[in-house]
Amino acid sequence: MPLSNRFRLALAGASALALAACQTVGPEFQHPADPKGAKAAGYAMAGDPIAAGVSLSPDSRPAGPWWEAFGSPELNEAVRTALADSPTLAAANATLERAQAEARAAKGDQQVKVDATGSVQKERINTQAFGFTGFPSPTIPLYSIGGNVTYDLDLFGGKRRVTEAARARAEAAARQADAAYLTLSSNVAAQAMKIAGLRAEIAQVEQIVADDNRFIDMVRRAQALGGEALTAANNALALRAEDQAMLPPLQRQLAEARHQMALLAGKSPAEWTAPDIDLDRLRAPATLPVSLPSTLVRTRPDIQESEAELHAATAQIGVAIANQYPDIKLTANLTQSAIHPEDLFNYSSAGWNLLSGVTAPILNGGKLKAQQRAAEAEARAALARYQQTVLRAFVQVSDVLSDLATDDKAIANQTQTLGLAQANVRDYENGYRLGGTTLYQLVDAQRTLSRARRAMVTAQAQRYSDLVQLYAATAAAYRPDREQQAAN
């Protein structure tokens, strides 16, 4: 039989033996059973306030990216900029690419390995060793070319479990990238709400200062007519100074919020300006989309990441068990050697061998058993981390829903307070014109109204911030681009 045919036959026999012998040890991964609270009909604890407009359904998501629900083109553009340029997201994507490459490398380690070899050597022949004395020892060239084929039978599936674990880690990295996407978009939106709220507060304080200036003018006119004491102007100036002192802290917070948004967008504050978002131009969705706990477990990226890490830990048990069994590797070599290059591919220049190597653990001081127990313990820890991640997600949603219910009450109370303050100002204005109310009573009523307006602005901004947290906690349409790709 020609050499090449015998070589192919040997490889075919080895492959057939591998297919017949292989089995995979270790536990097969199963999706975790429904964690505590997953079958509940909602998130609220008994006695929790209920937010208005909450809509619980098996899978309730907004149409399109969730941040578009606020109706702000400036917010939409800021989020798009951040998703395109943020180093945080770039780092998460690079981590995903690394994990995917490692999974491909692990898969490649299961395949047949073929290596080519080639060399040119100088061999000196010792003529005296052959009994020839007085003859020079010539130096001759030796050319060789060939290759070797190696295949691990992986009888007990250790390498397959390594590949399974690597794929699970790649899945965890993918879900981690999704979590980074969700976190980044929600952080940008949260900063936008903070900017809108601070700008509205600053506008209200500036209105208070403008009212102070009008009050000072009124006092001075009254003094000119003899209706007010000379000290009245000093009191008015002190009130204005007190109100003006509220502006610098708010302006500092606004500057920091705008700079923070630049950081989230992956920009330097000197090269990018955060958008000016007006609180009164934002709109709140009429209904709040909230998926049931059973759906949240399947859609929230940090929960999916934790499940993938559990999968990887389970596969590592199989790796540890397989290491306790024999491992067989098949190796085939083919080498062509000749003194002259033109003779390399002659039949007489060929040499080959087919080898089988067996490695079996016999005495290792209990190391391999200990590694199995360690892998089993890590899998139990991964399961506990998964359950903790699920519970943390449920608590986050519960917290935000309670916060929104509190926001509703705060806005309702502030609406009532604002209405009463406006009515008082009208009454005091009428009384002042008729001479039945003092100037200070009118000013005090106006200041009360200004404080009520500022409190209303703060309550509204807080509700928008909590809405952002709700979308983030429920992972609502966190990757619309991925959903569109899946649909296509």
Protein backbone atom coordinates (compact mmCIF):
# COMPACT_ATOMS: atom_id res chain seq x y z
CA MET A 1 0.00 0.00 0.00
CA PRO A 2 1.42 3.44 -0.86
CA LEU A 3 2.61 5.48 2.10
CA SER A 4 0.07 8.29 1.62
CA ASN A 5 -2.84 5.83 1.62
CA ARG A 6 -1.59 4.15 4.79
CA PHE A 7 -1.26 7.56 6.44
CA ARG A 8 -4.83 8.52 5.51
CA LEU A 9 -6.13 5.14 6.70
CA ALA A 10 -4.42 5.57 10.06
CA LEU A 11 -5.97 9.01 10.53
CA ALA A 12 -9.41 7.73 9.54
CA GLY A 13 -9.12 4.90 12.04
CA ALA A 14 -8.10 7.27 14.79
CA SER A 15 -11.03 9.57 14.02
CA ALA A 16 -13.48 6.65 14.08
CA LEU A 17 -12.09 5.51 17.42
CA ALA A 18 -12.49 9.02 18.82
CA LEU A 19 -16.10 9.28 17.75
CA ALA A 20 -16.92 5.89 19.24
CA ALA A 21 -15.20 6.44 22.58
CA CYS A 22 -16.14 10.01 23.54
CA GLN A 23 -18.53 10.77 26.36
CA THR A 24 -19.00 13.89 28.48
CA VAL A 25 -18.83 13.68 32.26
CA GLY A 26 -20.16 16.22 34.73
CA PRO A 27 -23.61 17.74 35.29
CA GLU A 28 -25.59 19.14 32.38
CA PHE A 29 -26.54 22.77 32.93
CA GLN A 30 -30.20 23.42 33.62
CA HIS A 31 -31.77 26.86 33.82
CA PRO A 32 -32.31 27.73 37.48
CA ALA A 33 -35.72 27.08 38.92
CA ASP A 34 -37.95 30.11 39.35
CA PRO A 35 -36.30 32.18 42.08
CA LYS A 36 -38.23 33.60 45.00
CA GLY A 37 -40.72 36.21 43.87
CA ALA A 38 -40.54 35.31 40.18
CA LYS A 39 -44.12 34.00 40.15
CA ALA A 40 -45.56 36.98 42.03
CA ALA A 41 -48.16 39.16 40.36
CA GLY A 42 -46.25 42.36 41.16
CA TYR A 43 -43.46 43.95 43.15
CA ALA A 44 -45.17 45.86 45.97
CA MET A 45 -44.89 44.81 49.59
CA ALA A 46 -48.09 44.87 51.64
CA GLY A 47 -48.67 48.46 52.68
CA ASP A 48 -46.56 50.01 49.91
CA PRO A 49 -48.04 53.06 48.16
CA ILE A 50 -49.24 52.40 44.62
CA ALA A 51 -48.00 54.61 41.79
CA ALA A 52 -50.62 55.92 39.37
CA GLY A 53 -50.54 54.67 35.79
CA VAL A 54 -48.52 51.50 36.45
CA SER A 55 -49.34 48.81 33.91
CA LEU A 56 -48.16 45.30 34.77
CA SER A 57 -48.17 42.78 31.95
CA PRO A 58 -46.20 39.69 30.88
CA ASP A 59 -44.01 41.81 28.62
CA SER A 60 -44.72 45.54 28.61
CA ARG A 61 -42.24 47.63 26.66
CA PRO A 62 -42.29 51.06 25.04
CA ALA A 63 -42.23 51.35 21.29
CA GLY A 64 -38.63 52.14 20.41
CA PRO A 65 -35.88 53.36 22.74
CA TRP A 66 -37.32 54.09 26.17
CA TRP A 67 -35.75 57.55 26.47
CA GLU A 68 -37.83 58.75 23.52
CA ALA A 69 -40.91 58.49 25.77
CA PHE A 70 -39.92 61.84 27.35
CA GLY A 71 -40.37 63.68 24.05
CA SER A 72 -37.07 65.58 24.23
CA PRO A 73 -34.99 65.82 21.03
CA GLU A 74 -32.10 67.15 23.12
CA LEU A 75 -32.19 64.09 25.37
CA ASN A 76 -32.39 61.75 22.37
CA GLU A 77 -29.34 63.36 20.79
CA ALA A 78 -27.35 63.24 24.04
CA VAL A 79 -28.03 59.52 24.45
CA ARG A 80 -27.10 58.80 20.83
CA THR A 81 -23.84 60.68 21.28
CA ALA A 82 -22.99 58.75 24.43
CA LEU A 83 -23.77 55.37 22.87
CA ALA A 84 -21.53 56.21 19.93
CA ASP A 85 -18.54 57.70 21.76
CA SER A 86 -18.46 56.55 25.39
CA PRO A 87 -15.21 54.80 26.41
CA THR A 88 -17.20 52.84 28.98
CA LEU A 89 -19.25 51.19 26.28
CA ALA A 90 -16.18 50.70 24.10
CA ALA A 91 -14.47 48.88 26.99
CA ALA A 92 -17.49 46.62 27.49
CA ASN A 93 -17.58 45.78 23.79
CA ALA A 94 -13.85 45.03 23.78
CA THR A 95 -14.31 42.72 26.76
CA LEU A 96 -17.05 40.94 24.84
CA GLU A 97 -14.81 40.52 21.79
CA ARG A 98 -12.08 39.04 23.98
CA ALA A 99 -14.49 36.54 25.56
CA GLN A 100 -15.82 35.54 22.14
CA ALA A 101 -12.28 35.04 20.83
CA GLU A 102 -11.42 32.91 23.87
CA ALA A 103 -14.50 30.78 23.19
CA ARG A 104 -13.37 30.25 19.59
CA ALA A 105 -9.88 29.37 20.83
CA ALA A 106 -11.33 26.79 23.22
CA LYS A 107 -13.36 25.30 20.38
CA GLY A 108 -10.26 25.18 18.19
CA ASP A 109 -8.40 23.26 20.88
CA GLN A 110 -10.82 20.36 20.34
CA GLN A 111 -9.94 20.02 16.67
CA VAL A 112 -7.18 18.09 14.94
CA LYS A 113 -3.90 20.03 15.08
CA VAL A 114 -1.65 19.97 12.01
CA ASP A 115 1.83 21.49 12.12
CA ALA A 116 4.32 21.79 9.29
CA THR A 117 8.07 21.43 9.88
CA GLY A 118 11.11 22.14 7.76
CA SER A 119 14.81 22.45 8.40
CA VAL A 120 18.25 22.58 6.80
CA GLN A 121 21.12 21.16 8.87
CA LYS A 122 24.82 20.54 8.44
CA GLU A 123 25.88 17.04 9.49
CA ARG A 124 29.54 16.16 10.06
CA ILE A 125 30.35 12.49 9.46
CA ASN A 126 32.96 11.07 11.84
CA THR A 127 34.89 8.63 9.60
CA GLN A 128 36.96 7.36 12.52
CA ALA A 129 33.80 5.98 14.10
CA PHE A 130 33.53 3.65 11.13
CA GLY A 131 37.17 2.51 11.37
CA PHE A 132 38.54 4.81 8.70
CA THR A 133 41.65 6.54 9.93
CA GLY A 134 43.48 9.16 8.01
CA PHE A 135 40.38 10.17 6.13
CA PRO A 136 38.85 13.63 6.56
CA SER A 137 35.40 13.91 8.16
CA PRO A 138 33.15 15.48 5.51
CA THR A 139 30.25 17.82 6.25
CA ILE A 140 27.06 17.22 4.31
CA PRO A 141 23.75 19.14 4.23
CA LEU A 142 20.53 17.46 5.39
CA TYR A 143 17.18 18.82 4.17
CA SER A 144 13.94 17.76 5.78
CA ILE A 145 10.30 18.72 5.43
CA GLY A 146 7.18 17.22 6.88
CA GLY A 147 4.35 17.60 9.29
CA ASN A 148 2.64 16.11 12.28
CA VAL A 149 -0.98 15.63 13.20
CA THR A 150 -2.19 15.52 16.80
CA TYR A 151 -5.65 14.75 18.07
CA ASP A 152 -6.88 14.47 21.65
CA LEU A 153 -9.61 11.85 21.85
CA ASP A 154 -11.15 13.76 24.77
CA LEU A 155 -12.67 10.49 25.97
CA PHE A 156 -14.52 12.04 28.91
CA GLY A 157 -15.34 15.45 27.45
CA GLY A 158 -12.97 17.63 29.46
CA LYS A 159 -12.15 19.82 26.47
CA ARG A 160 -15.80 19.97 25.49
CA ARG A 161 -16.61 21.23 28.98
CA VAL A 162 -13.82 23.82 28.66
CA THR A 163 -15.43 25.00 25.43
CA GLU A 164 -18.86 25.05 27.06
CA ALA A 165 -17.52 27.16 29.93
CA ALA A 166 -15.81 29.56 27.52
CA ARG A 167 -19.01 30.00 25.55
CA ALA A 168 -20.94 30.66 28.76
CA ARG A 169 -18.37 33.30 29.76
CA ALA A 170 -18.78 34.90 26.33
CA GLU A 171 -22.53 34.96 26.92
CA ALA A 172 -21.93 36.59 30.30
CA ALA A 173 -19.72 39.21 28.62
CA ALA A 174 -22.46 39.89 26.07
CA ARG A 175 -24.99 40.45 28.82
CA GLN A 176 -22.45 42.61 30.65
CA ALA A 177 -22.18 44.75 27.51
CA ASP A 178 -25.97 45.02 27.47
CA ALA A 179 -25.92 46.10 31.10
CA ALA A 180 -23.31 48.75 30.25
CA TYR A 181 -25.54 49.97 27.43
CA LEU A 182 -28.53 50.21 29.77
CA THR A 183 -26.54 51.86 32.56
CA LEU A 184 -25.00 54.43 30.22
CA SER A 185 -28.30 55.43 28.62
CA SER A 186 -30.03 55.68 32.00
CA ASN A 187 -27.16 57.72 33.48
CA VAL A 188 -27.33 60.17 30.57
CA ALA A 189 -31.09 60.48 31.00
CA ALA A 190 -30.70 60.94 34.76
CA GLN A 191 -28.18 63.74 34.19
CA ALA A 192 -30.56 65.32 31.70
CA MET A 193 -33.34 65.32 34.30
CA LYS A 194 -30.97 66.79 36.85
CA ILE A 195 -29.96 69.54 34.43
CA ALA A 196 -33.60 70.29 33.63
CA GLY A 197 -34.50 70.44 37.32
CA LEU A 198 -31.56 72.70 38.25
CA ARG A 199 -32.26 75.05 35.36
CA ALA A 200 -35.89 75.31 36.48
CA GLU A 201 -34.83 75.94 40.09
CA ILE A 202 -32.39 78.64 38.98
CA ALA A 203 -35.14 80.26 36.94
CA GLN A 204 -37.40 80.29 40.01
CA VAL A 205 -34.70 81.82 42.23
CA GLU A 206 -33.99 84.43 39.58
CA GLN A 207 -37.71 85.20 39.58
CA ILE A 208 -37.56 85.59 43.36
CA VAL A 209 -34.68 88.05 43.00
CA ALA A 210 -36.63 89.95 40.35
CA ASP A 211 -39.56 90.14 42.78
CA ASP A 212 -37.14 91.41 45.42
CA ASN A 213 -36.05 94.19 43.05
CA ARG A 214 -39.65 95.17 42.48
CA PHE A 215 -40.22 95.14 46.22
CA ILE A 216 -37.21 97.42 46.73
CA ASP A 217 -38.60 99.84 44.15
CA MET A 218 -41.97 99.78 45.88
CA VAL A 219 -40.33 100.47 49.27
CA ARG A 220 -38.35 103.37 47.89
CA ARG A 221 -41.42 104.89 46.27
CA ALA A 222 -43.31 104.48 49.54
CA GLN A 223 -40.45 106.10 51.43
CA ALA A 224 -40.51 109.03 49.04
CA LEU A 225 -44.17 109.51 49.84
CA GLY A 226 -43.53 109.08 53.56
CA GLY A 227 -45.38 105.78 53.82
CA GLU A 228 -42.46 103.60 54.90
CA ALA A 229 -39.66 103.95 57.44
CA LEU A 230 -36.12 104.60 56.31
CA THR A 231 -35.05 101.15 57.56
CA ALA A 232 -37.52 99.41 55.22
CA ALA A 233 -35.15 99.68 52.25
CA ASN A 234 -32.36 98.05 54.26
CA ASN A 235 -34.63 95.14 55.13
CA ALA A 236 -35.58 94.75 51.49
CA LEU A 237 -31.94 94.78 50.43
CA ALA A 238 -31.12 92.13 53.05
CA LEU A 239 -33.90 89.91 51.71
CA ARG A 240 -32.58 90.25 48.17
CA ALA A 241 -29.03 89.41 49.28
CA GLU A 242 -30.35 86.34 51.06
CA ASP A 243 -32.18 85.19 47.93
CA GLN A 244 -29.22 85.93 45.67
CA ALA A 245 -27.10 83.68 47.89
CA MET A 246 -29.21 80.71 46.76
CA LEU A 247 -27.98 81.04 43.17
CA PRO A 248 -24.26 80.11 43.38
CA PRO A 249 -24.81 76.61 44.87
CA LEU A 250 -27.42 75.85 42.20
CA GLN A 251 -25.18 77.19 39.45
CA ARG A 252 -22.29 75.09 40.72
CA GLN A 253 -24.47 71.96 40.71
CA LEU A 254 -25.63 72.77 37.19
CA ALA A 255 -22.08 73.16 35.92
CA GLU A 256 -21.08 69.85 37.49
CA ALA A 257 -24.11 68.09 36.01
CA ARG A 258 -23.31 69.42 32.54
CA HIS A 259 -19.66 68.35 32.89
CA GLN A 260 -20.77 64.91 34.07
CA MET A 261 -22.94 64.54 31.00
CA ALA A 262 -19.93 65.37 28.84
CA LEU A 263 -18.03 62.58 30.60
CA LEU A 264 -20.86 60.13 29.93
CA ALA A 265 -20.90 61.22 26.30
CA GLY A 266 -17.18 60.53 26.00
CA LYS A 267 -16.40 64.19 25.37
CA SER A 268 -14.25 66.86 26.94
CA PRO A 269 -16.26 69.78 28.40
CA ALA A 270 -14.18 72.09 26.21
CA GLU A 271 -15.21 70.34 22.99
CA TRP A 272 -18.85 69.50 23.70
CA THR A 273 -21.70 71.38 25.30
CA ALA A 274 -24.40 69.54 27.18
CA PRO A 275 -27.87 70.36 25.86
CA ASP A 276 -30.13 72.78 27.71
CA ILE A 277 -33.17 70.70 28.58
CA ASP A 278 -36.29 72.52 29.77
CA LEU A 279 -38.34 70.85 32.47
CA ASP A 280 -41.61 72.25 31.16
CA ARG A 281 -40.96 70.74 27.71
CA LEU A 282 -40.56 67.20 29.02
CA ARG A 283 -43.56 64.93 29.03
CA ALA A 284 -44.28 61.97 31.26
CA PRO A 285 -45.80 58.83 29.74
CA ALA A 286 -49.45 58.30 30.62
CA THR A 287 -48.81 54.69 31.58
CA LEU A 288 -45.73 53.19 33.17
CA PRO A 289 -44.72 49.94 31.41
CA VAL A 290 -43.61 47.33 33.93
CA SER A 291 -43.08 43.67 33.07
CA LEU A 292 -44.05 40.95 35.50
CA PRO A 293 -41.28 39.47 37.69
CA SER A 294 -41.26 36.27 35.63
CA THR A 295 -40.43 38.31 32.52
CA LEU A 296 -37.88 40.50 34.27
CA VAL A 297 -35.86 37.40 35.15
CA ARG A 298 -35.53 36.62 31.44
CA THR A 299 -34.88 40.13 30.16
CA ARG A 300 -32.80 42.07 32.68
CA PRO A 301 -29.15 41.88 31.54
CA ASP A 302 -27.50 41.59 34.94
CA ILE A 303 -29.71 38.59 35.75
CA GLN A 304 -28.87 36.99 32.39
CA GLU A 305 -25.18 37.66 33.03
CA SER A 306 -25.40 35.97 36.42
CA GLU A 307 -27.13 32.95 34.87
CA ALA A 308 -24.40 32.65 32.22
CA GLU A 309 -21.75 32.74 34.96
CA LEU A 310 -23.63 29.92 36.70
CA HIS A 311 -23.52 27.97 33.44
CA ALA A 312 -19.75 28.46 33.21
CA ALA A 313 -19.28 27.33 36.82
CA THR A 314 -21.37 24.21 36.18
CA ALA A 315 -19.26 23.32 33.13
CA GLN A 316 -16.10 23.64 35.20
CA ILE A 317 -17.32 20.74 37.35
CA GLY A 318 -17.18 18.54 34.26
CA VAL A 319 -13.66 19.76 33.54
CA ALA A 320 -12.56 18.84 37.06
CA ILE A 321 -14.14 15.37 36.81
CA ALA A 322 -12.64 14.68 33.36
CA ASN A 323 -9.18 15.50 34.68
CA GLN A 324 -9.46 12.42 36.92
CA TYR A 325 -9.77 10.03 33.96
CA PRO A 326 -7.23 8.86 31.38
CA ASP A 327 -6.47 11.08 28.42
CA ILE A 328 -5.43 9.61 25.06
CA LYS A 329 -3.70 11.60 22.34
CA LEU A 330 -3.03 10.30 18.83
CA THR A 331 -0.02 11.63 16.94
CA ALA A 332 1.02 10.98 13.34
CA ASN A 333 4.26 12.22 11.80
CA LEU A 334 5.42 12.28 8.19
CA THR A 335 8.96 13.45 7.41
CA GLN A 336 10.81 13.69 4.06
CA SER A 337 14.60 13.89 4.49
CA ALA A 338 17.33 14.01 1.83
CA ILE A 339 20.84 15.24 1.25
CA HIS A 340 19.82 16.95 -1.98
CA PRO A 341 16.69 19.17 -2.16
CA GLU A 342 15.58 17.56 -5.40
CA ASP A 343 15.37 14.19 -3.64
CA LEU A 344 13.06 15.41 -0.83
CA PHE A 345 9.87 14.05 -2.33
CA ASN A 346 11.21 10.68 -3.42
CA TYR A 347 9.53 7.66 -1.87
CA SER A 348 12.83 6.50 -0.36
CA SER A 349 13.16 9.80 1.54
CA ALA A 350 9.92 9.35 3.47
CA GLY A 351 9.49 8.29 7.04
CA TRP A 352 6.33 8.22 9.19
CA ASN A 353 4.94 6.97 12.45
CA LEU A 354 1.60 6.79 14.21
CA LEU A 355 1.73 7.02 17.98
CA SER A 356 -0.75 6.88 20.81
CA GLY A 357 -0.04 8.43 24.18
CA VAL A 358 -2.04 7.70 27.32
CA THR A 359 -1.92 9.90 30.40
CA ALA A 360 -3.75 8.72 33.50
CA PRO A 361 -3.65 10.24 36.99
CA ILE A 362 -2.57 7.73 39.60
CA LEU A 363 -1.21 9.54 42.63
CA ASN A 364 -1.70 13.27 43.08
CA GLY A 365 -2.24 13.73 46.79
CA GLY A 366 -5.98 14.24 46.40
CA LYS A 367 -5.44 17.34 44.26
CA LEU A 368 -7.91 16.39 41.51
CA LYS A 369 -10.67 15.43 43.94
CA ALA A 370 -10.13 18.68 45.79
CA GLN A 371 -10.38 20.59 42.51
CA GLN A 372 -13.70 18.87 41.82
CA ARG A 373 -15.03 19.84 45.25
CA ALA A 374 -13.82 23.39 44.69
CA ALA A 375 -15.64 23.54 41.33
CA GLU A 376 -18.82 22.20 42.93
CA ALA A 377 -18.58 24.81 45.70
CA GLU A 378 -18.06 27.58 43.13
CA ALA A 379 -21.17 26.42 41.26
CA ARG A 380 -23.20 26.62 44.48
CA ALA A 381 -21.80 30.10 45.09
CA ALA A 382 -22.70 31.12 41.52
CA LEU A 383 -26.25 29.90 42.09
CA ALA A 384 -26.47 31.94 45.29
CA ARG A 385 -25.16 35.01 43.45
CA TYR A 386 -27.76 34.48 40.75
CA GLN A 387 -30.55 34.31 43.33
CA GLN A 388 -29.20 37.44 45.06
CA THR A 389 -29.08 39.28 41.73
CA VAL A 390 -32.71 38.41 41.06
CA LEU A 391 -33.81 39.54 44.52
CA ARG A 392 -31.84 42.78 44.17
CA ALA A 393 -33.58 43.47 40.86
CA PHE A 394 -37.01 42.91 42.41
CA VAL A 395 -36.16 45.24 45.30
CA GLN A 396 -34.95 47.94 42.90
CA VAL A 397 -38.22 47.84 41.00
CA SER A 398 -40.17 47.89 44.26
CA ASP A 399 -38.19 50.90 45.48
CA VAL A 400 -38.75 52.87 42.29
CA LEU A 401 -42.46 52.12 42.19
CA SER A 402 -42.77 53.27 45.81
CA ASP A 403 -40.76 56.39 44.99
CA LEU A 404 -43.08 57.18 42.09
CA ALA A 405 -46.12 56.80 44.32
CA THR A 406 -44.48 59.20 46.79
CA ASP A 407 -43.73 61.58 43.92
CA ASP A 408 -47.39 61.55 42.95
CA LYS A 409 -48.38 62.50 46.48
CA ALA A 410 -45.71 65.19 46.67
CA ILE A 411 -46.87 66.76 43.39
CA ALA A 412 -50.49 66.62 44.50
CA ASN A 413 -49.61 68.33 47.77
CA GLN A 414 -47.46 70.93 46.05
CA THR A 415 -50.24 71.61 43.56
CA GLN A 416 -52.60 72.34 46.43
CA THR A 417 -50.01 74.49 48.21
CA LEU A 418 -49.26 76.39 45.02
CA GLY A 419 -52.95 77.10 44.41
CA LEU A 420 -53.40 78.44 47.95
CA ALA A 421 -50.24 80.58 47.66
CA GLN A 422 -51.47 82.08 44.39
CA ALA A 423 -54.84 82.86 45.95
CA ASN A 424 -53.16 84.52 48.94
CA VAL A 425 -51.05 86.73 46.70
CA ARG A 426 -54.15 87.86 44.80
CA ASP A 427 -55.93 88.64 48.08
CA TYR A 428 -52.97 90.57 49.50
CA GLU A 429 -52.51 92.49 46.26
CA ASN A 430 -56.16 93.57 46.37
CA GLY A 431 -55.84 94.42 50.07
CA TYR A 432 -52.68 96.44 49.50
CA ARG A 433 -54.33 98.50 46.78
CA LEU A 434 -57.26 99.16 49.10
CA GLY A 435 -54.98 99.97 52.03
CA GLY A 436 -56.00 97.02 54.15
CA THR A 437 -52.76 95.05 53.78
CA THR A 438 -49.22 96.10 54.57
CA LEU A 439 -46.42 95.93 52.05
CA TYR A 440 -44.59 93.34 54.14
CA GLN A 441 -47.65 91.08 54.19
CA LEU A 442 -47.79 91.23 50.42
CA VAL A 443 -44.07 90.54 50.08
CA ASP A 444 -44.29 87.61 52.48
CA ALA A 445 -47.17 86.15 50.43
CA GLN A 446 -45.14 86.54 47.25
CA ARG A 447 -42.14 84.82 48.81
CA THR A 448 -44.37 81.97 49.95
CA LEU A 449 -45.61 81.65 46.38
CA SER A 450 -42.05 81.63 45.06
CA ARG A 451 -41.05 78.88 47.49
CA ALA A 452 -44.10 76.86 46.44
CA ARG A 453 -43.14 77.20 42.79
CA ARG A 454 -39.59 76.08 43.52
CA ALA A 455 -40.85 73.11 45.54
CA MET A 456 -43.14 72.15 42.65
CA VAL A 457 -40.20 72.28 40.23
CA THR A 458 -38.16 70.07 42.55
CA ALA A 459 -40.99 67.53 42.87
CA GLN A 460 -41.51 67.39 39.11
CA ALA A 461 -37.78 66.92 38.44
CA GLN A 462 -37.66 64.14 41.04
CA ARG A 463 -40.52 62.31 39.37
CA TYR A 464 -38.80 62.47 35.98
CA SER A 465 -35.61 61.12 37.58
CA ASP A 466 -37.56 58.28 39.16
CA LEU A 467 -39.17 57.50 35.81
CA VAL A 468 -35.69 57.11 34.35
CA GLN A 469 -34.80 54.74 37.19
CA LEU A 470 -37.96 52.72 36.50
CA TYR A 471 -37.02 52.23 32.85
CA ALA A 472 -33.52 51.21 33.91
CA ALA A 473 -34.69 48.84 36.67
CA THR A 474 -37.14 47.07 34.35
CA ALA A 475 -34.65 46.96 31.44
CA ALA A 476 -37.29 48.35 29.09
CA ALA A 477 -36.07 48.13 25.48
CA TYR A 478 -32.48 48.59 26.56
CA ARG A 479 -31.08 47.43 23.19
CA PRO A 480 -33.51 48.44 20.46
CA ASP A 481 -30.76 48.00 17.88
CA ARG A 482 -30.30 44.36 18.90
CA GLU A 483 -34.04 43.72 18.86
CA GLN A 484 -34.27 45.12 15.34
CA GLN A 485 -31.35 42.92 14.22
CA ALA A 486 -33.03 39.87 15.73
CA ALA A 487 -36.26 40.70 13.92
CA ASN A 488 -34.42 40.95 10.60
